[in-house]
Amino acid sequence: MVSRVGENSKIVLLGDTEQIDHPYLDTLNNGLTHLIETMKDQPLAGHVKLIKDERSALAQLAADLL
């Protein structure tokens, strides 16, 4: 996706690097983490990490269990 961005375009990727539902992936080797680490020193890229999230009780339960 990022390799297809045209001139004067912007791309915003959202995700939770800790919410993994694949048995062979974790917070250190998923695609979003890889992209963040690869692009972190590049002048054309930026990264914002939100420390606090707002979730309903049901959404939090699902995140914890799934």
C-alpha atoms as a PDB file:
ATOM      1  CA  MET A   1       0.000   0.000   0.000  1.00  0.00           C
ATOM      2  CA  VAL A   2       2.680   2.502   0.995  1.00  0.00           C
ATOM      3  CA  SER A   3       4.715   1.747  -2.130  1.00  0.00           C
ATOM      4  CA  ARG A   4       1.761   2.855  -4.327  1.00  0.00           C
ATOM      5  CA  VAL A   5       1.257   6.365  -2.889  1.00  0.00           C
ATOM      6  CA  GLY A   6       1.402   9.072  -5.555  1.00  0.00           C
ATOM      7  CA  GLU A   7       3.016  12.502  -5.504  1.00  0.00           C
ATOM      8  CA  ASN A   8       1.346  14.991  -3.113  1.00  0.00           C
ATOM      9  CA  SER A   9      -0.628  12.184  -1.485  1.00  0.00           C
ATOM     10  CA  LYS A  10      -0.858  11.248   2.145  1.00  0.00           C
ATOM     11  CA  ILE A  11      -1.576   7.923   3.740  1.00  0.00           C
ATOM     12  CA  VAL A  12      -2.707   7.299   7.292  1.00  0.00           C
ATOM     13  CA  LEU A  13      -2.474   3.822   8.773  1.00  0.00           C
ATOM     14  CA  LEU A  14      -4.273   3.101  12.015  1.00  0.00           C
ATOM     15  CA  GLY A  15      -3.878   0.061  14.172  1.00  0.00           C
ATOM     16  CA  ASP A  16      -3.068  -1.473  17.491  1.00  0.00           C
ATOM     17  CA  THR A  17       0.261  -3.294  17.451  1.00  0.00           C
ATOM     18  CA  GLU A  18      -0.807  -5.254  20.521  1.00  0.00           C
ATOM     19  CA  GLN A  19      -4.099  -6.536  19.115  1.00  0.00           C
ATOM     20  CA  ILE A  20      -2.929  -9.597  17.193  1.00  0.00           C
ATOM     21  CA  ASP A  21      -5.169 -12.514  16.297  1.00  0.00           C
ATOM     22  CA  HIS A  22      -2.698 -14.670  14.380  1.00  0.00           C
ATOM     23  CA  PRO A  23      -0.822 -17.527  16.081  1.00  0.00           C
ATOM     24  CA  TYR A  24       2.525 -16.745  14.398  1.00  0.00           C
ATOM     25  CA  LEU A  25       2.532 -12.970  14.896  1.00  0.00           C
ATOM     26  CA  ASP A  26       3.039 -10.830  17.967  1.00  0.00           C
ATOM     27  CA  THR A  27       3.678  -7.181  18.873  1.00  0.00           C
ATOM     28  CA  LEU A  28       7.247  -7.387  17.559  1.00  0.00           C
ATOM     29  CA  ASN A  29       6.767  -9.029  14.156  1.00  0.00           C
ATOM     30  CA  ASN A  30       3.434  -7.874  12.736  1.00  0.00           C
ATOM     31  CA  GLY A  31       3.147  -5.740   9.601  1.00  0.00           C
ATOM     32  CA  LEU A  32       2.313  -2.473  11.354  1.00  0.00           C
ATOM     33  CA  THR A  33       5.285  -2.797  13.714  1.00  0.00           C
ATOM     34  CA  HIS A  34       7.544  -3.613  10.767  1.00  0.00           C
ATOM     35  CA  LEU A  35       6.355  -0.525   8.881  1.00  0.00           C
ATOM     36  CA  ILE A  36       6.823   1.725  11.924  1.00  0.00           C
ATOM     37  CA  GLU A  37      10.343   0.450  12.552  1.00  0.00           C
ATOM     38  CA  THR A  38      11.357   0.626   8.892  1.00  0.00           C
ATOM     39  CA  MET A  39      10.086   4.175   8.362  1.00  0.00           C
ATOM     40  CA  LYS A  40      10.897   5.732  11.768  1.00  0.00           C
ATOM     41  CA  ASP A  41      14.046   7.588  10.664  1.00  0.00           C
ATOM     42  CA  GLN A  42      12.708   8.723   7.310  1.00  0.00           C
ATOM     43  CA  PRO A  43      11.943  12.457   6.874  1.00  0.00           C
ATOM     44  CA  LEU A  44       8.765  11.785   4.853  1.00  0.00           C
ATOM     45  CA  ALA A  45       7.175   9.573   7.509  1.00  0.00           C
ATOM     46  CA  GLY A  46       5.724  10.225  10.927  1.00  0.00           C
ATOM     47  CA  HIS A  47       4.451   8.113  13.768  1.00  0.00           C
ATOM     48  CA  VAL A  48       2.131   8.949  16.655  1.00  0.00           C
ATOM     49  CA  LYS A  49       1.665   6.533  19.535  1.00  0.00           C
ATOM     50  CA  LEU A  50      -1.407   7.101  21.646  1.00  0.00           C
ATOM     51  CA  ILE A  51      -0.772   6.158  25.253  1.00  0.00           C
ATOM     52  CA  LYS A  52      -4.340   6.087  26.514  1.00  0.00           C
ATOM     53  CA  ASP A  53      -7.257   4.582  24.651  1.00  0.00           C
ATOM     54  CA  GLU A  54     -10.970   4.854  25.229  1.00  0.00           C
ATOM     55  CA  ARG A  55     -12.828   1.563  24.994  1.00  0.00           C
ATOM     56  CA  SER A  56     -16.167   0.385  26.168  1.00  0.00           C
ATOM     57  CA  ALA A  57     -16.226  -2.472  28.655  1.00  0.00           C
ATOM     58  CA  LEU A  58     -17.264  -4.882  25.894  1.00  0.00           C
ATOM     59  CA  ALA A  59     -14.537  -3.688  23.498  1.00  0.00           C
ATOM     60  CA  GLN A  60     -11.922  -4.044  26.259  1.00  0.00           C
ATOM     61  CA  LEU A  61     -13.133  -7.539  27.100  1.00  0.00           C
ATOM     62  CA  ALA A  62     -12.876  -8.555  23.442  1.00  0.00           C
ATOM     63  CA  ALA A  63      -9.370  -7.069  23.163  1.00  0.00           C
ATOM     64  CA  ASP A  64      -8.263  -8.949  26.273  1.00  0.00           C
ATOM     65  CA  LEU A  65      -9.785 -12.298  25.311  1.00  0.00           C
ATOM     66  CA  LEU A  66      -9.299 -12.434  21.538  1.00  0.00           C
END
